[in-house]
Protein backbone atom coordinates (compact mmCIF):
# COMPACT_ATOMS: atom_id res chain seq x y z
CA ASN A 1 -22.12 32.53 -1.33
CA ASN A 2 -19.43 33.75 1.12
CA GLY A 3 -20.71 31.59 3.95
CA ILE A 4 -20.46 28.39 1.94
CA THR A 5 -17.07 29.35 0.52
CA PHE A 6 -15.76 30.04 4.01
CA ASN A 7 -16.73 26.60 5.28
CA LEU A 8 -15.98 24.60 2.15
CA LYS A 9 -12.33 24.05 3.06
CA LYS A 10 -13.29 22.70 6.49
CA PHE A 11 -16.02 20.50 5.01
CA THR A 12 -13.63 19.15 2.39
CA LEU A 13 -10.99 18.25 4.98
CA GLN A 14 -13.56 16.50 7.14
CA ALA A 15 -14.89 14.56 4.15
CA ILE A 16 -11.37 13.55 3.10
CA ASN A 17 -10.44 12.35 6.58
CA ARG A 18 -13.61 10.32 6.84
CA ALA A 19 -13.05 8.71 3.44
CA LEU A 20 -9.41 7.89 4.23
CA GLU A 21 -10.29 6.24 7.52
CA GLN A 22 -13.25 4.26 6.18
CA VAL A 23 -11.53 3.02 3.05
CA TYR A 24 -8.34 2.04 4.84
CA LYS A 25 -10.21 0.14 7.52
CA ASN A 26 -12.80 -1.54 5.30
CA SER A 27 -10.93 -2.12 2.05
CA ALA A 28 -7.20 -1.35 2.00
CA LYS A 29 -6.38 -3.69 4.90
CA ARG A 30 -7.94 -6.57 3.02
CA TRP A 31 -5.70 -5.96 0.01
CA ILE A 32 -2.67 -5.62 2.28
CA ASP A 33 -3.44 -9.12 3.54
CA VAL A 34 -3.68 -10.42 -0.02
CA ALA A 35 -0.31 -8.86 -0.87
CA CYS A 36 1.32 -10.36 2.23
CA VAL A 37 -0.06 -13.86 1.68
CA THR A 38 1.10 -13.81 -1.94
CA ALA A 39 4.56 -12.42 -1.21
CA ASN A 40 5.04 -14.75 1.76
CA ALA A 41 4.32 -17.81 -0.36
CA PHE A 42 6.79 -16.80 -3.08
CA ILE A 43 9.56 -15.64 -0.76
CA THR A 44 9.52 -18.69 1.51
CA LYS A 45 9.63 -20.97 -1.54
CA ASP A 46 12.05 -19.10 -3.78
CA PHE A 47 14.50 -18.06 -1.04
CA ALA A 48 14.49 -21.31 0.93
CA LEU A 49 18.17 -21.87 0.07
CA GLU A 50 19.22 -18.23 0.33
CA PRO A 51 21.78 -17.82 3.16
CA ASP A 52 21.77 -13.99 3.23
CA GLU A 53 18.98 -12.62 5.45
CA ASN A 54 19.51 -9.10 4.13
CA ARG A 55 18.83 -10.21 0.59
CA ILE A 56 15.64 -11.93 1.72
CA ARG A 57 14.50 -8.80 3.52
CA THR A 58 15.27 -6.54 0.56
CA PHE A 59 13.45 -8.60 -2.05
CA ALA A 60 10.55 -9.40 0.28
CA GLU A 61 9.98 -5.69 0.91
CA GLY A 62 10.23 -4.88 -2.78
CA MET A 63 7.70 -7.49 -3.81
CA VAL A 64 5.10 -6.85 -1.12
CA LYS A 65 5.30 -3.05 -1.48
CA TYR A 66 4.72 -3.36 -5.21
CA LEU A 67 1.78 -5.71 -4.75
CA ALA A 68 0.14 -3.73 -1.94
CA PHE A 69 0.53 -0.38 -3.65
CA ASN A 70 -1.01 -1.55 -6.91
CA LEU A 71 -3.78 -3.64 -5.37
CA VAL A 72 -4.89 -0.80 -3.11
CA SER A 73 -4.48 1.79 -5.88
CA PHE A 74 -6.72 -0.13 -8.26
CA ASN A 75 -9.39 -1.21 -5.78
CA CYS A 76 -9.72 1.73 -3.39
CA LYS A 77 -9.77 4.80 -5.61
CA PRO A 78 -13.48 4.57 -6.53
CA HIS A 79 -14.43 4.20 -2.84
CA LEU A 80 -12.32 7.17 -1.81
CA LYS A 81 -13.97 9.38 -4.38
CA SER A 82 -17.55 8.27 -3.73
CA ILE A 83 -17.31 8.56 0.06
CA THR A 84 -15.68 11.98 -0.15
CA LYS A 85 -18.31 13.28 -2.54
CA GLN A 86 -21.28 11.95 -0.58
CA THR A 87 -19.93 13.10 2.78
CA LEU A 88 -19.22 16.58 1.42
CA LYS A 89 -22.72 16.80 -0.03
CA ASN A 90 -24.18 15.91 3.36
CA TYR A 91 -22.10 18.57 5.10
CA ILE A 92 -23.13 21.28 2.62
CA GLN A 93 -26.80 20.35 2.76
CA SER A 94 -26.78 20.37 6.54
CA TYR A 95 -25.03 23.73 6.60
CA ILE A 96 -27.40 25.53 4.23
CA GLN A 97 -30.38 24.14 6.14
CA GLN A 98 -29.00 25.44 9.43
CA GLN A 99 -28.33 28.84 7.86
CA GLU A 100 -31.76 28.83 6.19
CA MET A 101 -30.12 29.33 2.83
CA ARG A 102 -31.12 28.06 -0.60
CA LEU A 103 -28.88 26.17 -3.00
CA GLU A 104 -29.99 23.87 -5.79
CA ASP A 105 -29.18 20.17 -5.45
CA GLN A 106 -27.44 20.29 -8.82
CA ALA A 107 -25.10 23.02 -7.55
CA ILE A 108 -24.32 21.04 -4.39
CA ASP A 109 -23.55 17.96 -6.45
CA LEU A 110 -21.28 19.98 -8.73
CA ILE A 111 -19.34 21.44 -5.79
CA ALA A 112 -18.90 18.01 -4.18
CA GLU A 113 -17.84 16.44 -7.47
CA GLN A 114 -15.26 19.14 -8.16
CA CYS A 115 -13.75 18.99 -4.66
CA SER A 116 -13.49 15.20 -4.70
CA ASN A 117 -11.87 15.27 -8.16
CA GLU A 118 -9.33 17.89 -7.07
CA ASN A 119 -8.23 15.82 -4.08
CA ILE A 120 -8.49 12.21 -5.28
CA GLN A 121 -4.85 11.95 -6.39
CA ASN A 122 -3.61 13.09 -2.99
CA MET A 123 -5.97 10.76 -1.18
CA CYS A 124 -4.75 7.84 -3.27
CA TYR A 125 -1.14 8.82 -2.57
CA LEU A 126 -1.71 8.80 1.21
CA THR A 127 -3.66 5.54 1.19
CA ASN A 128 -1.31 3.70 -1.17
CA LYS A 129 1.82 4.85 0.63
CA GLN A 130 0.56 3.70 4.01
CA ALA A 131 -0.62 0.41 2.53
CA ARG A 132 2.83 -0.14 1.02
CA ASP A 133 4.60 0.60 4.32
CA ASP A 134 2.20 -1.43 6.47
CA ALA A 135 2.43 -4.40 4.11
CA ALA A 136 6.24 -4.37 4.32
CA GLN A 137 6.17 -4.27 8.10
CA LYS A 138 3.61 -7.07 8.31
CA LEU A 139 5.47 -9.35 5.90
CA LEU A 140 8.81 -8.87 7.65
CA GLU A 141 7.14 -9.84 10.92
CA GLN A 142 5.85 -13.00 9.25
CA LEU A 143 9.28 -13.79 7.83
CA ALA A 144 11.11 -13.06 11.10
CA PRO A 145 11.81 -16.75 11.94
CA MET A 146 13.18 -17.37 8.44
CA ILE A 147 15.42 -14.31 8.70
CA GLN A 148 16.54 -15.09 12.25
CA ARG A 149 17.72 -18.63 11.35
CA ARG A 150 20.05 -17.21 8.74
CA ARG A 151 21.29 -14.47 11.06
CA ASN A 152 22.07 -17.04 13.76
CA ALA A 153 24.04 -19.17 11.30
CA ARG A 154 26.03 -16.19 10.05
CA GLU A 155 26.83 -14.96 13.56
CA ASN A 156 28.11 -18.46 14.40
CA GLY A 157 30.39 -18.42 11.36
CA GLN A 158 28.25 -20.91 9.44
CA THR A 159 26.42 -20.93 6.12
CA TYR A 160 22.72 -21.59 6.54
CA VAL A 161 21.62 -24.92 5.08
CA ASP A 162 17.97 -25.87 4.63
CA THR A 163 18.27 -29.63 4.18
CA HIS A 164 14.53 -30.10 3.69
CA SER A 165 14.36 -27.67 0.77
CA LEU A 166 17.61 -29.02 -0.66
CA GLN A 167 16.09 -32.50 -0.89
CA GLY A 168 13.11 -31.13 -2.81
CA GLN A 169 15.39 -29.80 -5.56
CA SER A 170 15.61 -33.24 -7.16
CA THR A 171 12.05 -32.95 -8.47
CA LEU A 172 12.48 -29.53 -10.11
CA PRO A 173 13.44 -28.77 -13.72
CA GLU A 174 16.90 -27.32 -14.25
CA SER A 175 15.60 -23.78 -14.84
CA LEU A 176 14.16 -23.72 -11.30
CA LEU A 177 17.09 -25.29 -9.47
CA GLN A 178 18.87 -23.38 -6.71
CA SER A 179 22.21 -24.05 -5.14
CA ASN A 180 22.49 -24.27 -1.38
CA GLY A 181 24.77 -21.50 -0.17
CA SER A 182 23.99 -19.12 -3.02
CA GLY A 183 20.22 -19.27 -3.45
CA LEU A 184 18.62 -18.00 -6.65
CA ASN A 185 20.74 -17.52 -9.73
CA THR A 186 21.00 -14.19 -11.56
CA ARG A 187 18.20 -14.90 -14.01
CA GLN A 188 15.86 -15.92 -11.20
CA LEU A 189 16.78 -12.89 -9.09
CA ASN A 190 16.01 -10.55 -11.97
CA ILE A 191 12.33 -11.25 -11.41
CA TYR A 192 12.59 -9.82 -7.90
CA ARG A 193 14.85 -6.98 -8.98
CA ALA A 194 12.05 -5.90 -11.30
CA PHE A 195 9.85 -5.21 -8.27
CA LEU A 196 12.54 -2.99 -6.78
CA GLU A 197 13.13 -1.13 -10.03
CA ALA A 198 9.47 -0.68 -11.00
CA PRO A 199 8.45 3.00 -11.29
CA SER A 200 6.67 4.12 -8.14
CA THR A 201 3.22 5.44 -8.97
CA GLY A 202 3.16 6.95 -5.51
CA ASN A 203 5.93 9.40 -6.29
CA GLN A 204 5.72 12.77 -4.56
CA GLN A 205 5.47 14.51 -7.94
CA PHE A 206 1.78 13.61 -8.05
CA TYR A 207 1.08 15.48 -4.83
CA ASN A 208 -1.18 18.44 -5.49
CA THR A 209 0.01 21.51 -3.62
CA ASN A 210 -3.52 22.92 -3.71
CA THR A 211 -4.75 20.28 -1.28
CA PRO A 212 -6.35 21.90 1.78
CA ASP A 213 -4.12 19.91 4.14
CA ARG A 214 -0.66 19.07 2.80
CA LYS A 215 0.49 17.16 5.88
CA SER A 216 0.60 13.38 5.47
CA THR A 217 -0.91 12.01 8.65
CA ARG A 218 -1.07 8.43 9.81
CA LEU A 219 -4.43 6.83 9.08
CA ASN A 220 -6.23 5.14 11.94
CA SER A 221 -5.76 1.40 11.91
């Protein structure tokens, strides 16, 4: 029907926006917190003897972005799809009732299913990308004191020394030992480099140019 076709794009956009906002607020933020808590624990422990604040920032961002992106990607996709589909069905049903039109429930369900399937990849891209960026910002705020201590030492012409962490080295096996002034060794750092080098499943190549709205807008926090 021409009337339904004319409004379908508007209904789809409204359903997508609603799903993005609800899922980010009710689910994605929780997984961002999980990513930050996990990354914070590893970074503060593994980089306790690292004197270079830039290296800490780089590897912290890499780890938390990887964790947030994948946690949100895995856990939020089903919610995005189901909310979009149900919301779109409600919009269509309300519209045909107002217009005193007739459309079988099976046809409405098919339309909603197809529209949600066509847009789910783009919705995941937007949600995962924002989760990744928000997680990085949140973690760096948490690590600010750790980073600032090293910056202060460097600006004063000194090498940062964490005497408390240095004392704890005596209880660690040789494979986990760090040296004060140089931090993690190459083998240990390779674990964190893997986060930076991991393929990004949020690459722009997955963005569907047939999406009704191709502008990436900031989701409401």
